[in-house]
Amino acid sequence: MLEDRVAVGARQRRVDDRLRELLVAEAEVGRRAGEAMAAQAGVQAGRQAVLLAQVGREEAGGARQLAVAGIRTGVLVAPVLPGLSDSPAQLEEVVTACVEAGARSVTAIALHLRPGVREHFMGWLRPRDPDLADDYERRYQRSYLPDEEQKALAARVRAIAERAGARYATPAQARVPAGEAVVP
């Protein structure tokens, strides 16, 4: 079971790497041709590309590659795990690394614990940190953190992004190229 997840994760990383390569290559072709070419997954080169990836300092290179290619890049930092990856220092490091790599916007989303995933995750967490597992049981009365906690995370990441010279994009804004309206 673990080997299957590791194999799937390795394949996903190769797919993500190949997607970045394709986006960079298409941006270069589009720039030379003077056209806005459609890039992978419906993102248009020369407009805004949104790099959807779980981001760590070592993974910010993908944003850098896209930014160097002239693609306006936003980064989705997800999932942010309460008590595990949401400390001020951790968020500062990740968001700053993304902006330094060329991200113009940053979006953060807290962990979702939908049925099935919830049981699996809690089964992993409880033997490792029973107190944190109890905290998750209390906080995750539904699949998502309470709205006020999600807003607090967004405010923390917004402040870091703005200090670093980028804007914070809501999840809905992150899916829409800059300058286009967000349809509710």
Protein backbone atom coordinates (compact mmCIF):
# COMPACT_ATOMS: atom_id res chain seq x y z
CA MET A 1 0.00 0.00 0.00
CA LEU A 2 2.75 2.46 0.98
CA GLU A 3 4.77 1.42 -2.07
CA ASP A 4 1.76 2.19 -4.29
CA ARG A 5 1.40 5.67 -2.75
CA VAL A 6 5.13 6.33 -3.15
CA ALA A 7 4.98 5.16 -6.78
CA VAL A 8 1.93 7.34 -7.46
CA GLY A 9 3.64 10.30 -5.77
CA ALA A 10 6.78 9.78 -7.87
CA ARG A 11 4.70 9.57 -11.06
CA GLN A 12 2.78 12.71 -10.07
CA ARG A 13 6.06 14.59 -9.48
CA ARG A 14 7.24 13.54 -12.98
CA VAL A 15 3.93 14.72 -14.45
CA ASP A 16 4.24 18.04 -12.57
CA ASP A 17 7.83 18.46 -13.79
CA ARG A 18 6.78 17.69 -17.36
CA LEU A 19 3.88 20.15 -17.10
CA ARG A 20 6.29 22.89 -15.98
CA GLU A 21 8.59 22.06 -18.91
CA LEU A 22 5.65 22.23 -21.32
CA LEU A 23 4.46 25.55 -19.94
CA VAL A 24 7.93 27.07 -20.21
CA ALA A 25 8.40 25.72 -23.74
CA GLU A 26 4.99 26.97 -24.87
CA ALA A 27 5.64 30.41 -23.37
CA GLU A 28 8.89 30.66 -25.35
CA VAL A 29 7.20 29.62 -28.60
CA GLY A 30 4.35 32.06 -27.98
CA ARG A 31 6.73 34.93 -27.26
CA ARG A 32 8.77 34.27 -30.42
CA ALA A 33 5.63 34.03 -32.53
CA GLY A 34 4.16 37.13 -30.90
CA GLU A 35 0.99 35.19 -30.14
CA ALA A 36 -0.73 34.22 -26.94
CA MET A 37 -0.74 30.45 -27.29
CA ALA A 38 -2.89 28.23 -25.16
CA ALA A 39 -0.71 26.47 -22.66
CA GLN A 40 -1.34 23.22 -20.83
CA ALA A 41 -4.57 22.96 -18.80
CA GLY A 42 -6.18 25.96 -20.46
CA VAL A 43 -3.77 28.53 -19.06
CA GLN A 44 -2.70 31.06 -21.67
CA ALA A 45 0.98 31.82 -22.08
CA GLY A 46 1.73 35.52 -21.91
CA ARG A 47 -1.19 36.06 -19.54
CA GLN A 48 -1.14 34.49 -16.12
CA ALA A 49 -0.17 30.95 -15.22
CA VAL A 50 -1.15 29.59 -11.89
CA LEU A 51 1.23 26.98 -10.59
CA LEU A 52 -0.84 24.62 -8.49
CA ALA A 53 1.61 22.75 -6.36
CA GLN A 54 2.37 21.97 -2.80
CA VAL A 55 5.21 24.39 -2.33
CA GLY A 56 8.31 24.20 -0.20
CA ARG A 57 11.50 26.23 -0.56
CA GLU A 58 13.10 23.55 -2.76
CA GLU A 59 10.01 23.40 -4.99
CA ALA A 60 9.80 27.15 -5.67
CA GLY A 61 12.03 26.54 -8.70
CA GLY A 62 8.94 25.74 -10.76
CA ALA A 63 7.61 29.24 -10.16
CA ARG A 64 11.05 30.63 -11.02
CA GLN A 65 11.12 28.74 -14.35
CA LEU A 66 7.70 30.07 -15.31
CA ALA A 67 8.52 33.64 -14.22
CA VAL A 68 11.82 33.61 -16.16
CA ALA A 69 9.85 32.48 -19.23
CA GLY A 70 7.68 35.59 -18.90
CA ILE A 71 4.61 33.87 -17.50
CA ARG A 72 2.93 35.75 -14.68
CA THR A 73 2.92 33.16 -11.95
CA GLY A 74 0.80 32.59 -8.88
CA VAL A 75 1.44 29.87 -6.34
CA LEU A 76 -1.03 27.82 -4.35
CA VAL A 77 0.39 26.80 -0.99
CA ALA A 78 -1.70 23.80 -0.01
CA PRO A 79 -2.53 22.06 2.10
CA VAL A 80 -1.53 24.09 5.11
CA LEU A 81 -1.80 21.71 8.06
CA PRO A 82 -2.75 23.33 11.39
CA GLY A 83 -0.12 22.59 14.01
CA LEU A 84 2.22 21.01 11.46
CA SER A 85 2.94 23.50 8.69
CA ASP A 86 1.27 26.74 9.74
CA SER A 87 3.76 28.33 12.11
CA PRO A 88 4.65 31.95 11.36
CA ALA A 89 8.22 30.90 10.47
CA GLN A 90 7.07 28.14 8.12
CA LEU A 91 4.57 30.36 6.30
CA GLU A 92 7.12 33.18 6.08
CA GLU A 93 9.71 30.84 4.56
CA VAL A 94 7.39 29.30 1.98
CA VAL A 95 5.65 32.51 0.89
CA THR A 96 8.88 34.50 0.74
CA ALA A 97 10.57 31.73 -1.29
CA CYS A 98 7.67 31.79 -3.77
CA VAL A 99 7.79 35.56 -4.18
CA GLU A 100 11.59 35.56 -4.48
CA ALA A 101 11.20 32.90 -7.19
CA GLY A 102 8.91 35.22 -9.17
CA ALA A 103 5.37 34.53 -7.96
CA ARG A 104 3.21 37.60 -8.35
CA SER A 105 0.45 36.18 -6.20
CA VAL A 106 0.15 33.62 -3.43
CA THR A 107 -2.88 31.67 -2.29
CA ALA A 108 -3.06 29.43 0.77
CA ILE A 109 -5.61 26.76 1.55
CA ALA A 110 -5.89 24.86 4.83
CA LEU A 111 -6.14 21.10 4.89
CA HIS A 112 -9.52 19.65 3.93
CA LEU A 113 -10.51 16.47 5.73
CA ARG A 114 -13.28 14.98 3.62
CA PRO A 115 -14.77 11.59 4.50
CA GLY A 116 -12.32 8.81 3.72
CA VAL A 117 -9.33 11.13 3.82
CA ARG A 118 -10.29 12.20 7.33
CA GLU A 119 -10.20 8.64 8.70
CA HIS A 120 -6.94 7.84 6.94
CA PHE A 121 -5.24 11.06 8.09
CA MET A 122 -6.47 10.77 11.66
CA GLY A 123 -5.33 7.13 11.74
CA TRP A 124 -1.86 8.37 10.80
CA LEU A 125 -1.86 11.38 13.16
CA ARG A 126 -3.32 9.88 16.36
CA PRO A 127 -0.43 7.51 17.22
CA ARG A 128 2.13 10.20 16.39
CA ASP A 129 0.56 13.14 18.23
CA PRO A 130 -2.59 12.32 20.24
CA ASP A 131 -2.97 15.92 21.47
CA LEU A 132 -2.86 17.31 17.94
CA ALA A 133 -5.31 14.62 16.82
CA ASP A 134 -7.71 15.71 19.58
CA ASP A 135 -7.26 19.32 18.39
CA TYR A 136 -8.13 18.29 14.83
CA GLU A 137 -11.23 16.42 16.03
CA ARG A 138 -12.34 19.58 17.84
CA ARG A 139 -11.55 21.96 14.96
CA TYR A 140 -12.70 19.83 12.03
CA GLN A 141 -16.39 19.43 12.81
CA ARG A 142 -16.89 19.38 9.04
CA SER A 143 -14.50 18.78 6.14
CA TYR A 144 -13.04 22.27 6.45
CA LEU A 145 -11.66 24.42 9.21
CA PRO A 146 -14.16 26.93 10.61
CA ASP A 147 -14.52 30.02 8.44
CA GLU A 148 -12.85 32.29 11.00
CA GLU A 149 -9.74 30.07 11.02
CA GLN A 150 -9.61 30.03 7.22
CA LYS A 151 -9.89 33.82 7.18
CA ALA A 152 -7.14 34.11 9.80
CA LEU A 153 -4.83 31.92 7.67
CA ALA A 154 -5.60 34.06 4.61
CA ALA A 155 -4.84 37.24 6.57
CA ARG A 156 -1.51 35.86 7.79
CA VAL A 157 -0.46 34.80 4.29
CA ARG A 158 -1.72 38.08 2.78
CA ALA A 159 0.49 40.09 5.17
CA ILE A 160 3.55 37.97 4.34
CA ALA A 161 2.90 38.12 0.58
CA GLU A 162 2.42 41.89 0.61
CA ARG A 163 5.58 42.42 2.69
CA ALA A 164 7.46 40.30 0.16
CA GLY A 165 6.07 42.29 -2.78
CA ALA A 166 3.25 40.08 -4.09
CA ARG A 167 -0.50 40.09 -3.75
CA TYR A 168 -2.70 37.56 -2.01
CA ALA A 169 -5.25 35.90 -4.25
CA THR A 170 -8.31 34.13 -2.91
CA PRO A 171 -8.77 30.59 -4.25
CA ALA A 172 -11.40 31.89 -6.69
CA GLN A 173 -9.11 34.71 -7.88
CA ALA A 174 -6.23 32.25 -8.33
CA ARG A 175 -8.20 30.42 -11.03
CA VAL A 176 -8.82 33.54 -13.13
CA PRO A 177 -6.22 35.43 -15.22
CA ALA A 178 -5.40 38.92 -13.93
CA GLY A 179 -7.83 41.57 -15.09
CA GLU A 180 -10.75 39.19 -15.65
CA ALA A 181 -13.77 39.17 -13.38
CA VAL A 182 -14.29 36.40 -10.86
CA VAL A 183 -17.69 34.80 -11.47
CA PRO A 184 -19.33 33.87 -8.15
